[in-house]
């Protein structure tokens, strides 16, 4: 049995940069169907999607696409490059169209990132919250499937790797993304 990586001394680990990760992808190191992302320099497997997980992503994608102006792009399950050691693949990201349109790589900023936590709640609340806050992602949603709620993080504090404001929305309560006024999400409809 392999020892969990968190029990290894940090000085034993070699972090992979985004540049190195892209070279590995270009060299065909990963199978085409490999589901991985780069978090803090570590290549991490992405959890498989449950049916509920997939439905939530579909509902949010449809809602956001319907309300997004031409200046914004909805990116479901696509990389977000956060140098020097991060390239997560959030379930959904809302980015400025000019970020999407540049030809130099994946977007490096998002106005909203959404993670659906079916089996990944600890990772989404921990390392991903720290990464997104550090990179100034203005709004970060965790759809907490097990507890039937939406955890909304706003006002990033990059130096502290956390968010100043956390709002928990449940049941018939609704919330709109800061960047998409009018795209109201009712939690029980999203999770139902």
N, C-alpha and C. Protein backbone atom coordinates (compact mmCIF):
# COMPACT_ATOMS: atom_id res chain seq x y z
N UNK A 1 0.84 -1.18 0.00
CA UNK A 1 0.00 0.00 0.00
C UNK A 1 0.89 1.25 0.00
N UNK A 2 0.52 2.23 -0.79
CA UNK A 2 1.29 3.47 -0.88
C UNK A 2 0.95 4.39 0.29
N UNK A 3 1.97 5.04 0.82
CA UNK A 3 1.76 6.02 1.89
C UNK A 3 1.15 7.28 1.30
N UNK A 4 0.19 7.88 1.99
CA UNK A 4 -0.38 9.14 1.49
C UNK A 4 0.70 10.21 1.37
N UNK A 5 0.61 11.01 0.34
CA UNK A 5 1.64 12.01 0.06
C UNK A 5 1.76 13.04 1.18
N UNK A 6 0.68 13.30 1.91
CA UNK A 6 0.77 14.31 2.97
C UNK A 6 1.69 13.87 4.10
N UNK A 7 2.06 12.58 4.16
CA UNK A 7 2.97 12.10 5.21
C UNK A 7 4.43 12.18 4.79
N UNK A 8 4.70 12.61 3.57
CA UNK A 8 6.08 12.77 3.12
C UNK A 8 6.58 14.17 3.47
N UNK A 9 7.82 14.28 3.88
CA UNK A 9 8.37 15.62 4.16
C UNK A 9 8.37 16.46 2.88
N UNK A 10 7.97 17.72 2.97
CA UNK A 10 7.90 18.58 1.78
C UNK A 10 9.21 18.64 0.99
N UNK A 11 10.35 18.55 1.68
CA UNK A 11 11.63 18.64 0.97
C UNK A 11 11.89 17.42 0.08
N UNK A 12 11.12 16.36 0.24
CA UNK A 12 11.28 15.18 -0.62
C UNK A 12 10.52 15.33 -1.93
N UNK A 13 9.64 16.27 -1.99
CA UNK A 13 8.76 16.40 -3.15
C UNK A 13 9.33 17.39 -4.16
N UNK A 14 9.09 17.12 -5.42
CA UNK A 14 9.47 18.04 -6.50
C UNK A 14 8.18 18.55 -7.12
N UNK A 15 7.98 19.86 -7.06
CA UNK A 15 6.77 20.43 -7.65
C UNK A 15 6.98 20.64 -9.13
N UNK A 16 5.94 20.37 -9.89
CA UNK A 16 5.96 20.54 -11.34
C UNK A 16 5.33 21.89 -11.67
N UNK A 17 6.00 22.67 -12.48
CA UNK A 17 5.46 23.97 -12.88
C UNK A 17 4.44 23.79 -13.99
N UNK A 18 3.67 24.84 -14.23
CA UNK A 18 2.71 24.82 -15.33
C UNK A 18 3.44 24.58 -16.65
N UNK A 19 4.60 25.20 -16.84
CA UNK A 19 5.38 25.02 -18.07
C UNK A 19 5.78 23.56 -18.24
N UNK A 20 6.28 22.94 -17.18
CA UNK A 20 6.66 21.52 -17.24
C UNK A 20 5.44 20.64 -17.51
N UNK A 21 4.33 20.95 -16.88
CA UNK A 21 3.08 20.20 -17.06
C UNK A 21 2.63 20.27 -18.52
N UNK A 22 2.70 21.46 -19.12
CA UNK A 22 2.31 21.60 -20.52
C UNK A 22 3.25 20.80 -21.43
N UNK A 23 4.54 20.77 -21.11
CA UNK A 23 5.48 19.96 -21.89
C UNK A 23 5.13 18.48 -21.79
N UNK A 24 4.75 18.04 -20.61
CA UNK A 24 4.36 16.64 -20.41
C UNK A 24 3.12 16.31 -21.24
N UNK A 25 2.16 17.21 -21.25
CA UNK A 25 0.94 17.00 -22.04
C UNK A 25 1.30 16.92 -23.52
N UNK A 26 2.12 17.87 -24.00
CA UNK A 26 2.52 17.89 -25.41
C UNK A 26 3.30 16.64 -25.81
N UNK A 27 4.06 16.08 -24.86
CA UNK A 27 4.87 14.89 -25.14
C UNK A 27 4.05 13.60 -25.06
N UNK A 28 2.77 13.71 -24.70
CA UNK A 28 1.92 12.53 -24.63
C UNK A 28 2.13 11.68 -23.39
N UNK A 29 2.60 12.29 -22.32
CA UNK A 29 2.83 11.55 -21.07
C UNK A 29 1.53 10.98 -20.52
N UNK A 30 0.43 11.69 -20.69
CA UNK A 30 -0.86 11.24 -20.17
C UNK A 30 -1.71 10.67 -21.30
N UNK A 31 -2.49 9.64 -21.00
CA UNK A 31 -3.46 9.13 -21.97
C UNK A 31 -4.47 10.23 -22.25
N UNK A 32 -5.07 10.18 -23.44
CA UNK A 32 -6.07 11.20 -23.79
C UNK A 32 -7.23 11.23 -22.82
N UNK A 33 -7.57 10.08 -22.27
CA UNK A 33 -8.71 10.03 -21.36
C UNK A 33 -8.32 10.21 -19.89
N UNK A 34 -7.06 10.55 -19.64
CA UNK A 34 -6.61 10.79 -18.26
C UNK A 34 -7.34 12.00 -17.69
N UNK A 35 -7.84 11.86 -16.48
CA UNK A 35 -8.54 12.95 -15.81
C UNK A 35 -7.67 13.44 -14.67
N UNK A 36 -6.80 14.41 -14.98
CA UNK A 36 -5.88 14.95 -13.99
C UNK A 36 -5.88 16.47 -14.04
N UNK A 37 -5.38 17.06 -12.95
CA UNK A 37 -5.19 18.50 -12.89
C UNK A 37 -3.94 18.77 -12.08
N UNK A 38 -3.38 19.95 -12.25
CA UNK A 38 -2.16 20.33 -11.54
C UNK A 38 -2.55 21.25 -10.37
N UNK A 39 -2.27 20.77 -9.14
CA UNK A 39 -2.58 21.54 -7.94
C UNK A 39 -1.33 21.67 -7.10
N UNK A 40 -0.86 22.90 -6.92
CA UNK A 40 0.33 23.18 -6.11
C UNK A 40 1.55 22.38 -6.57
N UNK A 41 1.63 22.13 -7.88
CA UNK A 41 2.77 21.41 -8.44
C UNK A 41 2.63 19.91 -8.42
N UNK A 42 1.51 19.39 -7.93
CA UNK A 42 1.27 17.94 -7.90
C UNK A 42 0.22 17.58 -8.94
N UNK A 43 0.45 16.49 -9.64
CA UNK A 43 -0.53 16.00 -10.61
C UNK A 43 -1.53 15.16 -9.82
N UNK A 44 -2.79 15.60 -9.84
CA UNK A 44 -3.83 15.01 -9.00
C UNK A 44 -4.93 14.46 -9.89
N UNK A 45 -5.39 13.24 -9.57
CA UNK A 45 -6.52 12.67 -10.31
C UNK A 45 -7.79 13.44 -9.98
N UNK A 46 -8.64 13.59 -10.99
CA UNK A 46 -9.93 14.24 -10.82
C UNK A 46 -10.96 13.15 -10.54
N UNK A 47 -11.82 13.39 -9.56
CA UNK A 47 -12.85 12.41 -9.21
C UNK A 47 -13.80 12.19 -10.38
N UNK A 48 -14.25 10.94 -10.57
CA UNK A 48 -15.25 10.68 -11.61
C UNK A 48 -16.57 11.37 -11.25
N UNK A 49 -17.36 11.68 -12.25
CA UNK A 49 -18.62 12.37 -12.02
C UNK A 49 -19.75 11.38 -11.78
N UNK A 50 -20.53 11.66 -10.74
CA UNK A 50 -21.77 10.92 -10.54
C UNK A 50 -22.82 11.51 -11.48
N UNK A 51 -23.96 10.85 -11.59
CA UNK A 51 -25.04 11.39 -12.41
C UNK A 51 -25.49 12.74 -11.86
N UNK A 52 -25.63 12.83 -10.54
CA UNK A 52 -26.05 14.10 -9.92
C UNK A 52 -25.04 15.21 -10.21
N UNK A 53 -23.77 14.89 -10.12
CA UNK A 53 -22.69 15.84 -10.40
C UNK A 53 -22.83 16.38 -11.82
N UNK A 54 -23.00 15.48 -12.77
CA UNK A 54 -23.13 15.88 -14.18
C UNK A 54 -24.37 16.74 -14.41
N UNK A 55 -25.48 16.39 -13.76
CA UNK A 55 -26.71 17.18 -13.92
C UNK A 55 -26.54 18.60 -13.39
N UNK A 56 -25.86 18.74 -12.27
CA UNK A 56 -25.64 20.07 -11.70
C UNK A 56 -24.79 20.92 -12.64
N UNK A 57 -23.75 20.33 -13.19
CA UNK A 57 -22.91 21.07 -14.15
C UNK A 57 -23.73 21.48 -15.36
N UNK A 58 -24.56 20.58 -15.86
CA UNK A 58 -25.40 20.88 -17.02
C UNK A 58 -26.38 22.02 -16.70
N UNK A 59 -27.04 21.96 -15.55
CA UNK A 59 -28.00 23.01 -15.17
C UNK A 59 -27.31 24.37 -15.07
N UNK A 60 -26.18 24.41 -14.39
CA UNK A 60 -25.47 25.69 -14.24
C UNK A 60 -24.96 26.21 -15.58
N UNK A 61 -24.44 25.32 -16.41
CA UNK A 61 -23.95 25.73 -17.72
C UNK A 61 -25.07 26.36 -18.53
N UNK A 62 -26.22 25.70 -18.57
CA UNK A 62 -27.35 26.23 -19.34
C UNK A 62 -27.79 27.60 -18.80
N UNK A 63 -27.89 27.71 -17.49
CA UNK A 63 -28.31 28.98 -16.88
C UNK A 63 -27.32 30.09 -17.17
N UNK A 64 -26.05 29.81 -16.98
CA UNK A 64 -25.02 30.84 -17.18
C UNK A 64 -24.90 31.24 -18.65
N UNK A 65 -24.96 30.29 -19.55
CA UNK A 65 -24.88 30.61 -20.98
C UNK A 65 -26.07 31.49 -21.38
N UNK A 66 -27.24 31.21 -20.85
CA UNK A 66 -28.43 32.00 -21.15
C UNK A 66 -28.27 33.46 -20.71
N UNK A 67 -27.59 33.68 -19.60
CA UNK A 67 -27.47 35.03 -19.04
C UNK A 67 -26.15 35.74 -19.34
N UNK A 68 -25.19 35.04 -19.89
CA UNK A 68 -23.87 35.64 -20.10
C UNK A 68 -23.88 36.60 -21.29
N UNK A 69 -23.41 37.82 -21.09
CA UNK A 69 -23.27 38.74 -22.22
C UNK A 69 -22.09 38.31 -23.10
N UNK A 70 -21.96 38.94 -24.24
CA UNK A 70 -20.88 38.59 -25.17
C UNK A 70 -19.49 38.84 -24.58
N UNK A 71 -19.41 39.61 -23.52
CA UNK A 71 -18.11 39.90 -22.91
C UNK A 71 -17.64 38.79 -21.96
N UNK A 72 -18.49 37.79 -21.73
CA UNK A 72 -18.15 36.68 -20.84
C UNK A 72 -18.28 35.34 -21.55
N UNK A 73 -17.49 34.38 -21.12
CA UNK A 73 -17.52 33.03 -21.68
C UNK A 73 -17.68 32.03 -20.54
N UNK A 74 -18.58 31.07 -20.73
CA UNK A 74 -18.79 30.00 -19.76
C UNK A 74 -17.93 28.82 -20.19
N UNK A 75 -17.05 28.36 -19.31
CA UNK A 75 -16.11 27.26 -19.61
C UNK A 75 -16.37 26.08 -18.67
N UNK A 76 -17.11 25.07 -19.13
CA UNK A 76 -17.32 23.89 -18.29
C UNK A 76 -16.15 22.91 -18.41
N UNK A 77 -15.61 22.52 -17.27
CA UNK A 77 -14.59 21.47 -17.17
C UNK A 77 -13.40 21.68 -18.09
N UNK A 78 -12.88 22.90 -18.08
CA UNK A 78 -11.71 23.23 -18.89
C UNK A 78 -10.65 23.85 -17.98
N UNK A 79 -9.38 23.73 -18.37
CA UNK A 79 -8.30 24.22 -17.51
C UNK A 79 -8.31 25.73 -17.31
N UNK A 80 -7.82 26.09 -16.14
CA UNK A 80 -7.59 27.48 -15.77
C UNK A 80 -6.13 27.52 -15.32
N UNK A 81 -5.29 28.25 -16.03
CA UNK A 81 -3.86 28.27 -15.71
C UNK A 81 -3.59 29.31 -14.62
N UNK A 82 -3.05 28.82 -13.50
CA UNK A 82 -2.75 29.67 -12.35
C UNK A 82 -1.29 29.47 -11.97
N UNK A 83 -0.38 30.18 -12.67
CA UNK A 83 1.05 29.98 -12.48
C UNK A 83 1.50 30.33 -11.06
N UNK A 84 2.62 29.79 -10.62
CA UNK A 84 3.50 28.92 -11.39
C UNK A 84 3.20 27.43 -11.27
N UNK A 85 2.34 27.03 -10.30
CA UNK A 85 2.18 25.60 -10.04
C UNK A 85 0.75 25.10 -10.12
N UNK A 86 -0.13 25.79 -10.82
CA UNK A 86 -1.51 25.35 -10.83
C UNK A 86 -2.19 25.37 -12.18
N UNK A 87 -2.88 24.30 -12.45
CA UNK A 87 -3.79 24.27 -13.60
C UNK A 87 -4.98 23.38 -13.25
N UNK A 88 -5.84 23.90 -12.36
CA UNK A 88 -7.04 23.14 -12.01
C UNK A 88 -8.01 23.11 -13.18
N UNK A 89 -8.91 22.15 -13.14
CA UNK A 89 -9.98 22.06 -14.13
C UNK A 89 -11.31 22.13 -13.39
N UNK A 90 -11.74 23.34 -13.06
CA UNK A 90 -12.98 23.47 -12.30
C UNK A 90 -14.17 22.95 -13.10
N UNK A 91 -15.23 22.61 -12.38
CA UNK A 91 -16.43 22.13 -13.07
C UNK A 91 -17.01 23.21 -13.96
N UNK A 92 -16.85 24.45 -13.57
CA UNK A 92 -17.35 25.56 -14.37
C UNK A 92 -16.54 26.81 -14.04
N UNK A 93 -16.25 27.60 -15.05
CA UNK A 93 -15.59 28.89 -14.82
C UNK A 93 -16.22 29.92 -15.74
N UNK A 94 -16.35 31.10 -15.24
CA UNK A 94 -16.85 32.23 -16.02
C UNK A 94 -15.67 33.17 -16.21
N UNK A 95 -15.28 33.37 -17.47
CA UNK A 95 -14.10 34.20 -17.75
C UNK A 95 -14.47 35.32 -18.72
N UNK A 96 -13.67 36.37 -18.68
CA UNK A 96 -13.83 37.46 -19.63
C UNK A 96 -13.51 36.95 -21.03
N UNK A 97 -14.27 37.39 -22.02
CA UNK A 97 -14.08 36.91 -23.39
C UNK A 97 -12.67 37.18 -23.89
N UNK A 98 -12.07 38.31 -23.50
CA UNK A 98 -10.72 38.59 -23.98
C UNK A 98 -9.70 37.61 -23.39
N UNK A 99 -9.95 37.07 -22.20
CA UNK A 99 -9.09 36.02 -21.63
C UNK A 99 -9.21 34.76 -22.48
N UNK A 100 -10.43 34.43 -22.86
CA UNK A 100 -10.68 33.22 -23.65
C UNK A 100 -10.12 33.38 -25.06
N UNK A 101 -10.19 34.57 -25.61
CA UNK A 101 -9.83 34.79 -27.01
C UNK A 101 -8.33 34.89 -27.26
N UNK A 102 -7.56 35.15 -26.23
CA UNK A 102 -6.11 35.25 -26.49
C UNK A 102 -5.57 33.87 -26.86
N UNK A 103 -4.60 33.84 -27.72
CA UNK A 103 -4.11 32.57 -28.27
C UNK A 103 -2.87 32.05 -27.57
N UNK A 104 -2.59 32.54 -26.38
CA UNK A 104 -1.35 32.14 -25.71
C UNK A 104 -1.55 31.01 -24.70
N UNK A 105 -2.74 30.52 -24.55
CA UNK A 105 -2.98 29.44 -23.60
C UNK A 105 -4.34 29.56 -22.94
N UNK A 106 -4.51 28.78 -21.89
CA UNK A 106 -5.77 28.80 -21.15
C UNK A 106 -5.88 30.12 -20.37
N UNK A 107 -7.10 30.52 -20.04
CA UNK A 107 -7.27 31.73 -19.24
C UNK A 107 -6.51 31.63 -17.92
N UNK A 108 -6.04 32.78 -17.44
CA UNK A 108 -5.32 32.84 -16.17
C UNK A 108 -6.12 33.57 -15.09
N UNK A 109 -7.35 33.89 -15.39
CA UNK A 109 -8.22 34.53 -14.40
C UNK A 109 -9.67 34.16 -14.71
N UNK A 110 -10.48 34.11 -13.68
CA UNK A 110 -11.91 33.87 -13.83
C UNK A 110 -12.66 34.79 -12.88
N UNK A 111 -13.86 35.16 -13.28
CA UNK A 111 -14.71 35.97 -12.41
C UNK A 111 -15.46 35.09 -11.42
N UNK A 112 -15.72 33.86 -11.84
CA UNK A 112 -16.42 32.88 -11.01
C UNK A 112 -15.88 31.50 -11.32
N UNK A 113 -15.64 30.72 -10.28
CA UNK A 113 -15.26 29.31 -10.43
C UNK A 113 -16.25 28.50 -9.61
N UNK A 114 -16.71 27.39 -10.18
CA UNK A 114 -17.64 26.49 -9.49
C UNK A 114 -17.04 25.10 -9.43
N UNK A 115 -17.07 24.51 -8.24
CA UNK A 115 -16.69 23.11 -8.06
C UNK A 115 -17.90 22.39 -7.47
N UNK A 116 -18.30 21.28 -8.09
CA UNK A 116 -19.37 20.45 -7.56
C UNK A 116 -18.71 19.37 -6.72
N UNK A 117 -19.01 19.37 -5.43
CA UNK A 117 -18.34 18.46 -4.50
C UNK A 117 -19.22 17.25 -4.21
N UNK A 118 -19.07 16.23 -5.05
CA UNK A 118 -19.73 14.95 -4.78
C UNK A 118 -18.83 14.11 -3.89
N UNK A 119 -17.56 13.99 -4.29
CA UNK A 119 -16.58 13.20 -3.53
C UNK A 119 -15.33 14.01 -3.22
N UNK A 120 -15.37 15.29 -3.45
CA UNK A 120 -14.15 16.11 -3.36
C UNK A 120 -14.27 17.28 -2.39
N UNK A 121 -15.16 17.18 -1.42
CA UNK A 121 -15.43 18.32 -0.55
C UNK A 121 -14.19 18.80 0.21
N UNK A 122 -13.41 17.88 0.75
CA UNK A 122 -12.21 18.29 1.50
C UNK A 122 -11.23 19.03 0.60
N UNK A 123 -11.02 18.52 -0.61
CA UNK A 123 -10.11 19.17 -1.56
C UNK A 123 -10.66 20.54 -1.98
N UNK A 124 -11.97 20.61 -2.25
CA UNK A 124 -12.56 21.86 -2.70
C UNK A 124 -12.57 22.93 -1.61
N UNK A 125 -12.79 22.52 -0.36
CA UNK A 125 -12.77 23.47 0.76
C UNK A 125 -11.35 23.83 1.19
N UNK A 126 -10.43 22.95 0.95
CA UNK A 126 -9.05 23.14 1.39
C UNK A 126 -8.16 23.75 0.34
N UNK A 127 -7.45 22.89 -0.37
CA UNK A 127 -6.42 23.33 -1.32
C UNK A 127 -7.00 24.21 -2.42
N UNK A 128 -8.19 23.87 -2.94
CA UNK A 128 -8.74 24.68 -4.03
C UNK A 128 -9.18 26.06 -3.56
N UNK A 129 -9.75 26.14 -2.37
CA UNK A 129 -10.10 27.46 -1.83
C UNK A 129 -8.86 28.33 -1.71
N UNK A 130 -7.78 27.76 -1.18
CA UNK A 130 -6.53 28.51 -1.03
C UNK A 130 -5.99 28.96 -2.38
N UNK A 131 -5.99 28.07 -3.36
CA UNK A 131 -5.48 28.40 -4.70
C UNK A 131 -6.29 29.52 -5.33
N UNK A 132 -7.62 29.37 -5.33
CA UNK A 132 -8.47 30.37 -5.98
C UNK A 132 -8.38 31.72 -5.27
N UNK A 133 -8.34 31.72 -3.95
CA UNK A 133 -8.20 32.99 -3.22
C UNK A 133 -6.85 33.64 -3.51
N UNK A 134 -5.78 32.85 -3.50
CA UNK A 134 -4.43 33.38 -3.77
C UNK A 134 -4.36 34.04 -5.13
N UNK A 135 -5.09 33.51 -6.10
CA UNK A 135 -5.05 34.05 -7.46
C UNK A 135 -6.15 35.09 -7.71
N UNK A 136 -6.84 35.51 -6.65
CA UNK A 136 -7.78 36.62 -6.78
C UNK A 136 -9.07 36.30 -7.51
N UNK A 137 -9.47 35.04 -7.53
CA UNK A 137 -10.76 34.68 -8.15
C UNK A 137 -11.84 35.33 -7.28
N UNK A 138 -12.61 36.24 -7.88
CA UNK A 138 -13.54 37.06 -7.10
C UNK A 138 -14.64 36.28 -6.40
N UNK A 139 -15.08 35.20 -7.05
CA UNK A 139 -16.19 34.43 -6.47
C UNK A 139 -15.94 32.95 -6.74
N UNK A 140 -16.11 32.15 -5.71
CA UNK A 140 -15.88 30.71 -5.78
C UNK A 140 -17.05 30.00 -5.12
N UNK A 141 -17.71 29.13 -5.90
CA UNK A 141 -18.85 28.37 -5.38
C UNK A 141 -18.45 26.92 -5.19
N UNK A 142 -18.85 26.36 -4.06
CA UNK A 142 -18.77 24.92 -3.84
C UNK A 142 -20.20 24.42 -3.73
N UNK A 143 -20.61 23.58 -4.68
CA UNK A 143 -21.92 22.96 -4.61
C UNK A 143 -21.74 21.71 -3.75
N UNK A 144 -22.19 21.78 -2.51
CA UNK A 144 -22.01 20.71 -1.54
C UNK A 144 -23.18 19.75 -1.66
N UNK A 145 -22.98 18.70 -2.45
CA UNK A 145 -24.05 17.76 -2.77
C UNK A 145 -24.52 17.02 -1.52
N UNK A 146 -23.60 16.52 -0.70
CA UNK A 146 -23.95 15.72 0.47
C UNK A 146 -24.81 16.49 1.47
N UNK A 147 -24.50 17.76 1.66
CA UNK A 147 -25.23 18.58 2.64
C UNK A 147 -26.29 19.46 2.00
N UNK A 148 -26.51 19.28 0.69
CA UNK A 148 -27.57 19.98 -0.03
C UNK A 148 -27.51 21.49 0.16
N UNK A 149 -26.35 22.06 -0.12
CA UNK A 149 -26.21 23.50 0.01
C UNK A 149 -25.16 24.04 -0.94
N UNK A 150 -25.20 25.34 -1.11
CA UNK A 150 -24.24 26.06 -1.95
C UNK A 150 -23.41 26.94 -1.02
N UNK A 151 -22.09 26.75 -1.07
CA UNK A 151 -21.17 27.54 -0.25
C UNK A 151 -20.49 28.55 -1.17
N UNK A 152 -20.78 29.82 -0.96
CA UNK A 152 -20.32 30.89 -1.84
C UNK A 152 -19.22 31.69 -1.14
N UNK A 153 -18.07 31.73 -1.78
CA UNK A 153 -16.91 32.46 -1.25
C UNK A 153 -16.71 33.72 -2.09
N UNK A 154 -16.62 34.86 -1.40
CA UNK A 154 -16.43 36.15 -2.09
C UNK A 154 -15.37 36.97 -1.35
N UNK A 155 -14.87 37.99 -2.03
CA UNK A 155 -13.88 38.90 -1.46
C UNK A 155 -12.58 38.17 -1.10
N UNK A 156 -11.82 37.76 -2.11
CA UNK A 156 -10.58 37.01 -1.83
C UNK A 156 -9.55 37.85 -1.07
N UNK A 157 -8.84 37.17 -0.19
CA UNK A 157 -7.70 37.75 0.52
C UNK A 157 -6.48 36.96 0.07
N UNK A 158 -5.87 37.35 -1.05
CA UNK A 158 -4.80 36.55 -1.65
C UNK A 158 -3.64 36.23 -0.72
N UNK A 159 -3.20 37.18 0.08
CA UNK A 159 -2.07 36.94 0.98
C UNK A 159 -2.40 35.90 2.05
N UNK A 160 -3.67 35.83 2.42
CA UNK A 160 -4.10 34.89 3.46
C UNK A 160 -4.65 33.59 2.89
N UNK A 161 -4.75 33.52 1.56
CA UNK A 161 -5.24 32.34 0.85
C UNK A 161 -6.62 31.90 1.35
N UNK A 162 -7.48 32.89 1.53
CA UNK A 162 -8.85 32.60 1.97
C UNK A 162 -9.76 33.72 1.47
N UNK A 163 -11.06 33.54 1.73
CA UNK A 163 -12.05 34.54 1.35
C UNK A 163 -12.60 35.22 2.59
N UNK A 164 -12.85 36.51 2.47
CA UNK A 164 -13.39 37.29 3.58
C UNK A 164 -14.84 36.90 3.86
N UNK A 165 -15.62 36.66 2.81
CA UNK A 165 -17.05 36.41 2.96
C UNK A 165 -17.40 35.01 2.49
N UNK A 166 -18.12 34.27 3.33
CA UNK A 166 -18.65 32.96 2.95
C UNK A 166 -20.14 32.98 3.25
N UNK A 167 -20.92 32.70 2.22
CA UNK A 167 -22.38 32.68 2.33
C UNK A 167 -22.83 31.25 2.09
N UNK A 168 -23.70 30.73 2.95
CA UNK A 168 -24.26 29.39 2.76
C UNK A 168 -25.72 29.55 2.37
N UNK A 169 -26.08 28.94 1.23
CA UNK A 169 -27.43 29.06 0.69
C UNK A 169 -28.03 27.66 0.64
N UNK A 170 -29.27 27.52 1.13
CA UNK A 170 -29.92 26.20 1.22
C UNK A 170 -31.36 26.26 0.70
N UNK A 171 -31.91 25.07 0.47
CA UNK A 171 -33.33 24.91 0.20
C UNK A 171 -33.87 25.83 -0.88
N UNK A 172 -34.90 26.60 -0.51
CA UNK A 172 -35.56 27.48 -1.49
C UNK A 172 -34.85 28.82 -1.63
N UNK A 173 -33.75 29.01 -0.90
CA UNK A 173 -32.99 30.25 -1.02
C UNK A 173 -32.31 30.31 -2.39
N UNK A 174 -32.09 31.53 -2.85
CA UNK A 174 -31.44 31.70 -4.16
C UNK A 174 -30.30 32.71 -4.06
N UNK A 175 -29.48 32.69 -5.09
CA UNK A 175 -28.33 33.58 -5.14
C UNK A 175 -27.97 33.81 -6.60
N UNK A 176 -27.46 35.00 -6.89
CA UNK A 176 -26.98 35.32 -8.24
C UNK A 176 -25.47 35.49 -8.20
N UNK A 177 -24.76 35.00 -9.22
CA UNK A 177 -23.33 35.28 -9.30
C UNK A 177 -23.11 36.79 -9.45
N UNK A 178 -22.06 37.30 -8.84
CA UNK A 178 -21.76 38.73 -8.94
C UNK A 178 -21.62 39.17 -10.39
N UNK A 179 -21.02 38.33 -11.22
CA UNK A 179 -20.75 38.70 -12.61
C UNK A 179 -21.94 38.45 -13.54
N UNK A 180 -23.00 37.80 -13.03
CA UNK A 180 -24.16 37.49 -13.88
C UNK A 180 -25.46 37.89 -13.19
N UNK A 181 -25.71 39.17 -13.02
CA UNK A 181 -26.98 39.57 -12.42
C UNK A 181 -28.14 39.01 -13.23
N UNK A 182 -29.13 38.50 -12.53
CA UNK A 182 -30.29 37.92 -13.21
C UNK A 182 -30.22 36.41 -13.35
N UNK A 183 -29.06 35.83 -13.18
CA UNK A 183 -28.91 34.37 -13.28
C UNK A 183 -29.10 33.76 -11.90
N UNK A 184 -30.32 33.82 -11.42
CA UNK A 184 -30.64 33.37 -10.07
C UNK A 184 -30.62 31.85 -9.96
N UNK A 185 -29.91 31.35 -8.96
CA UNK A 185 -29.81 29.91 -8.72
C UNK A 185 -30.58 29.60 -7.44
N UNK A 186 -31.62 28.76 -7.56
CA UNK A 186 -32.37 28.28 -6.40
C UNK A 186 -31.76 26.94 -6.03
N UNK A 187 -31.28 26.82 -4.80
CA UNK A 187 -30.49 25.65 -4.40
C UNK A 187 -31.26 24.35 -4.57
N UNK A 188 -32.51 24.27 -4.10
CA UNK A 188 -33.26 23.01 -4.19
C UNK A 188 -33.53 22.62 -5.65
N UNK A 189 -33.65 23.59 -6.54
CA UNK A 189 -33.82 23.27 -7.96
C UNK A 189 -32.50 22.79 -8.56
N UNK A 190 -31.41 23.40 -8.14
CA UNK A 190 -30.10 22.99 -8.64
C UNK A 190 -29.76 21.57 -8.20
N UNK A 191 -30.04 21.26 -6.95
CA UNK A 191 -29.67 19.96 -6.39
C UNK A 191 -30.75 18.91 -6.55
N UNK A 192 -31.94 19.31 -6.99
CA UNK A 192 -33.06 18.37 -7.12
C UNK A 192 -33.04 17.56 -8.38
